[in-house]
Amino acid sequence: MTEAEKLVGEGGDNAEEALGGVRARFEQARAKMEDVYGAARKKFVSGARQADDAIRSHPYESLAIALGVGVLLGALIRRRE
């Protein structure tokens, strides 16, 4: 952002050159963020699949755990009021 403000303020012959540099760095940052997003998405999907597999292989245990967590949260919320 600082460099973009300098470009706007200065203008002149170097403006196109500097703008090209800013665009190149923006594209590099964008590519890096896409890689990070892709990796995070893969981890999330993997975790969701593992959770789904665990729930499908132990449905009653999963239901009991969910019920217990719900009762505990309900008791804690009620206690605050």
N, C-alpha and C. Protein backbone atom coordinates (compact mmCIF):
# COMPACT_ATOMS: atom_id res chain seq x y z
N MET A 1 0.82 -1.18 0.00
CA MET A 1 0.00 0.00 0.00
C MET A 1 0.87 1.25 0.00
N THR A 2 1.95 1.20 0.75
CA THR A 2 2.84 2.36 0.82
C THR A 2 3.43 2.64 -0.55
N GLU A 3 3.82 1.58 -1.23
CA GLU A 3 4.40 1.76 -2.56
C GLU A 3 3.36 2.28 -3.54
N ALA A 4 2.15 1.83 -3.41
CA ALA A 4 1.09 2.32 -4.30
C ALA A 4 0.84 3.81 -4.06
N GLU A 5 0.88 4.23 -2.80
CA GLU A 5 0.71 5.64 -2.50
C GLU A 5 1.85 6.47 -3.07
N LYS A 6 3.07 5.93 -3.01
CA LYS A 6 4.22 6.62 -3.59
C LYS A 6 4.04 6.77 -5.10
N LEU A 7 3.54 5.70 -5.74
CA LEU A 7 3.32 5.74 -7.19
C LEU A 7 2.33 6.83 -7.56
N VAL A 8 1.27 6.92 -6.81
CA VAL A 8 0.25 7.92 -7.11
C VAL A 8 0.82 9.32 -6.89
N GLY A 9 1.60 9.48 -5.83
CA GLY A 9 2.17 10.78 -5.52
C GLY A 9 3.25 11.21 -6.48
N GLU A 10 4.10 10.29 -6.89
CA GLU A 10 5.24 10.63 -7.75
C GLU A 10 4.86 10.78 -9.21
N GLY A 11 4.18 9.77 -9.74
CA GLY A 11 3.88 9.77 -11.17
C GLY A 11 5.17 9.65 -11.96
N GLY A 12 5.25 10.20 -13.14
CA GLY A 12 6.49 10.24 -13.90
C GLY A 12 6.77 8.96 -14.65
N ASP A 13 8.05 8.84 -15.11
CA ASP A 13 8.46 7.72 -15.96
C ASP A 13 8.58 6.41 -15.18
N ASN A 14 8.96 6.48 -13.95
CA ASN A 14 9.16 5.26 -13.17
C ASN A 14 7.86 4.66 -12.66
N ALA A 15 6.78 5.37 -12.87
CA ALA A 15 5.49 4.90 -12.35
C ALA A 15 5.08 3.58 -12.98
N GLU A 16 5.23 3.43 -14.27
CA GLU A 16 4.85 2.18 -14.93
C GLU A 16 5.72 1.03 -14.47
N GLU A 17 7.01 1.29 -14.33
CA GLU A 17 7.94 0.27 -13.87
C GLU A 17 7.60 -0.18 -12.46
N ALA A 18 7.37 0.79 -11.59
CA ALA A 18 7.05 0.48 -10.21
C ALA A 18 5.70 -0.21 -10.11
N LEU A 19 4.74 0.21 -10.92
CA LEU A 19 3.43 -0.42 -10.93
C LEU A 19 3.54 -1.87 -11.38
N GLY A 20 4.38 -2.14 -12.34
CA GLY A 20 4.61 -3.52 -12.78
C GLY A 20 5.19 -4.36 -11.66
N GLY A 21 6.11 -3.77 -10.88
CA GLY A 21 6.68 -4.49 -9.73
C GLY A 21 5.64 -4.78 -8.66
N VAL A 22 4.78 -3.81 -8.42
CA VAL A 22 3.72 -4.00 -7.43
C VAL A 22 2.76 -5.10 -7.90
N ARG A 23 2.43 -5.08 -9.18
CA ARG A 23 1.53 -6.11 -9.71
C ARG A 23 2.16 -7.50 -9.61
N ALA A 24 3.46 -7.58 -9.89
CA ALA A 24 4.15 -8.87 -9.81
C ALA A 24 4.13 -9.40 -8.38
N ARG A 25 4.39 -8.53 -7.41
CA ARG A 25 4.37 -8.97 -6.02
C ARG A 25 2.96 -9.34 -5.58
N PHE A 26 1.98 -8.61 -6.09
CA PHE A 26 0.59 -8.94 -5.77
C PHE A 26 0.25 -10.33 -6.29
N GLU A 27 0.65 -10.63 -7.50
CA GLU A 27 0.37 -11.94 -8.08
C GLU A 27 1.10 -13.05 -7.31
N GLN A 28 2.32 -12.78 -6.85
CA GLN A 28 3.04 -13.76 -6.05
C GLN A 28 2.31 -14.01 -4.73
N ALA A 29 1.86 -12.93 -4.10
CA ALA A 29 1.14 -13.07 -2.84
C ALA A 29 -0.18 -13.82 -3.05
N ARG A 30 -0.83 -13.52 -4.17
CA ARG A 30 -2.09 -14.20 -4.48
C ARG A 30 -1.86 -15.70 -4.69
N ALA A 31 -0.80 -16.04 -5.42
CA ALA A 31 -0.50 -17.45 -5.65
C ALA A 31 -0.19 -18.17 -4.35
N LYS A 32 0.55 -17.48 -3.48
CA LYS A 32 0.90 -18.08 -2.19
C LYS A 32 -0.35 -18.30 -1.34
N MET A 33 -1.27 -17.34 -1.35
CA MET A 33 -2.50 -17.47 -0.58
C MET A 33 -3.37 -18.60 -1.13
N GLU A 34 -3.37 -18.77 -2.44
CA GLU A 34 -4.13 -19.87 -3.02
C GLU A 34 -3.55 -21.21 -2.57
N ASP A 35 -2.23 -21.30 -2.49
CA ASP A 35 -1.59 -22.53 -2.00
C ASP A 35 -1.95 -22.79 -0.55
N VAL A 36 -1.89 -21.75 0.27
CA VAL A 36 -2.23 -21.89 1.69
C VAL A 36 -3.69 -22.29 1.85
N TYR A 37 -4.57 -21.66 1.08
CA TYR A 37 -6.00 -21.99 1.14
C TYR A 37 -6.23 -23.44 0.71
N GLY A 38 -5.55 -23.85 -0.34
CA GLY A 38 -5.71 -25.23 -0.82
C GLY A 38 -5.26 -26.24 0.23
N ALA A 39 -4.14 -25.97 0.88
CA ALA A 39 -3.63 -26.88 1.91
C ALA A 39 -4.58 -26.92 3.10
N ALA A 40 -5.08 -25.76 3.52
CA ALA A 40 -6.01 -25.71 4.65
C ALA A 40 -7.30 -26.44 4.32
N ARG A 41 -7.76 -26.28 3.09
CA ARG A 41 -8.99 -26.95 2.68
C ARG A 41 -8.81 -28.47 2.68
N LYS A 42 -7.67 -28.94 2.20
CA LYS A 42 -7.41 -30.38 2.20
C LYS A 42 -7.41 -30.93 3.62
N LYS A 43 -6.78 -30.20 4.55
CA LYS A 43 -6.75 -30.65 5.95
C LYS A 43 -8.16 -30.68 6.54
N PHE A 44 -8.94 -29.66 6.24
CA PHE A 44 -10.30 -29.60 6.76
C PHE A 44 -11.14 -30.75 6.23
N VAL A 45 -11.06 -31.00 4.94
CA VAL A 45 -11.84 -32.08 4.33
C VAL A 45 -11.40 -33.43 4.90
N SER A 46 -10.10 -33.60 5.10
CA SER A 46 -9.60 -34.84 5.67
C SER A 46 -10.14 -35.05 7.09
N GLY A 47 -10.12 -33.99 7.88
CA GLY A 47 -10.65 -34.07 9.24
C GLY A 47 -12.14 -34.36 9.26
N ALA A 48 -12.87 -33.76 8.35
CA ALA A 48 -14.31 -33.99 8.27
C ALA A 48 -14.59 -35.44 7.87
N ARG A 49 -13.81 -35.97 6.96
CA ARG A 49 -13.99 -37.38 6.56
C ARG A 49 -13.69 -38.33 7.72
N GLN A 50 -12.64 -38.03 8.47
CA GLN A 50 -12.30 -38.87 9.62
C GLN A 50 -13.42 -38.82 10.67
N ALA A 51 -13.95 -37.64 10.91
CA ALA A 51 -15.05 -37.51 11.87
C ALA A 51 -16.27 -38.28 11.37
N ASP A 52 -16.56 -38.16 10.09
CA ASP A 52 -17.70 -38.87 9.52
C ASP A 52 -17.52 -40.38 9.66
N ASP A 53 -16.32 -40.87 9.36
CA ASP A 53 -16.04 -42.30 9.49
C ASP A 53 -16.20 -42.76 10.94
N ALA A 54 -15.71 -41.95 11.88
CA ALA A 54 -15.81 -42.32 13.30
C ALA A 54 -17.27 -42.36 13.73
N ILE A 55 -18.05 -41.39 13.28
CA ILE A 55 -19.46 -41.35 13.66
C ILE A 55 -20.22 -42.52 13.05
N ARG A 56 -19.91 -42.85 11.81
CA ARG A 56 -20.61 -43.96 11.15
C ARG A 56 -20.22 -45.32 11.74
N SER A 57 -18.99 -45.44 12.22
CA SER A 57 -18.57 -46.73 12.79
C SER A 57 -19.03 -46.89 14.24
N HIS A 58 -19.32 -45.78 14.93
CA HIS A 58 -19.77 -45.83 16.33
C HIS A 58 -20.95 -44.85 16.53
N PRO A 59 -22.10 -45.15 15.95
CA PRO A 59 -23.20 -44.18 15.99
C PRO A 59 -23.77 -43.94 17.39
N TYR A 60 -23.91 -44.99 18.18
CA TYR A 60 -24.51 -44.82 19.50
C TYR A 60 -23.57 -44.09 20.45
N GLU A 61 -22.29 -44.39 20.37
CA GLU A 61 -21.32 -43.70 21.20
C GLU A 61 -21.26 -42.21 20.84
N SER A 62 -21.32 -41.93 19.53
CA SER A 62 -21.30 -40.54 19.07
C SER A 62 -22.53 -39.79 19.57
N LEU A 63 -23.67 -40.45 19.51
CA LEU A 63 -24.91 -39.84 20.00
C LEU A 63 -24.83 -39.57 21.50
N ALA A 64 -24.29 -40.50 22.25
CA ALA A 64 -24.16 -40.33 23.70
C ALA A 64 -23.21 -39.17 24.03
N ILE A 65 -22.12 -39.07 23.29
CA ILE A 65 -21.17 -37.97 23.52
C ILE A 65 -21.82 -36.63 23.20
N ALA A 66 -22.52 -36.56 22.08
CA ALA A 66 -23.20 -35.31 21.70
C ALA A 66 -24.24 -34.93 22.74
N LEU A 67 -24.99 -35.90 23.25
CA LEU A 67 -25.99 -35.64 24.28
C LEU A 67 -25.32 -35.13 25.55
N GLY A 68 -24.23 -35.77 25.94
CA GLY A 68 -23.51 -35.35 27.15
C GLY A 68 -22.96 -33.93 27.03
N VAL A 69 -22.39 -33.61 25.89
CA VAL A 69 -21.87 -32.25 25.68
C VAL A 69 -23.00 -31.25 25.70
N GLY A 70 -24.13 -31.58 25.10
CA GLY A 70 -25.28 -30.69 25.10
C GLY A 70 -25.82 -30.44 26.49
N VAL A 71 -25.91 -31.49 27.30
CA VAL A 71 -26.38 -31.34 28.67
C VAL A 71 -25.42 -30.49 29.48
N LEU A 72 -24.13 -30.72 29.30
CA LEU A 72 -23.12 -29.96 30.03
C LEU A 72 -23.18 -28.48 29.65
N LEU A 73 -23.25 -28.19 28.36
CA LEU A 73 -23.35 -26.79 27.93
C LEU A 73 -24.64 -26.14 28.43
N GLY A 74 -25.73 -26.87 28.39
CA GLY A 74 -26.99 -26.34 28.89
C GLY A 74 -26.92 -26.02 30.37
N ALA A 75 -26.27 -26.89 31.14
CA ALA A 75 -26.13 -26.64 32.58
C ALA A 75 -25.25 -25.42 32.83
N LEU A 76 -24.19 -25.28 32.08
CA LEU A 76 -23.31 -24.12 32.26
C LEU A 76 -24.01 -22.82 31.89
N ILE A 77 -24.77 -22.83 30.81
CA ILE A 77 -25.50 -21.62 30.40
C ILE A 77 -26.57 -21.27 31.42
N ARG A 78 -27.27 -22.27 31.89
CA ARG A 78 -28.34 -22.03 32.88
C ARG A 78 -27.75 -21.51 34.19
N ARG A 79 -26.59 -22.00 34.54
CA ARG A 79 -25.94 -21.59 35.79
C ARG A 79 -25.57 -20.10 35.76
N ARG A 80 -25.17 -19.59 34.61
CA ARG A 80 -24.79 -18.17 34.47
C ARG A 80 -25.99 -17.25 34.66
N GLU A 81 -27.14 -17.72 34.25
CA GLU A 81 -28.35 -16.88 34.36
C GLU A 81 -28.83 -16.93 35.77
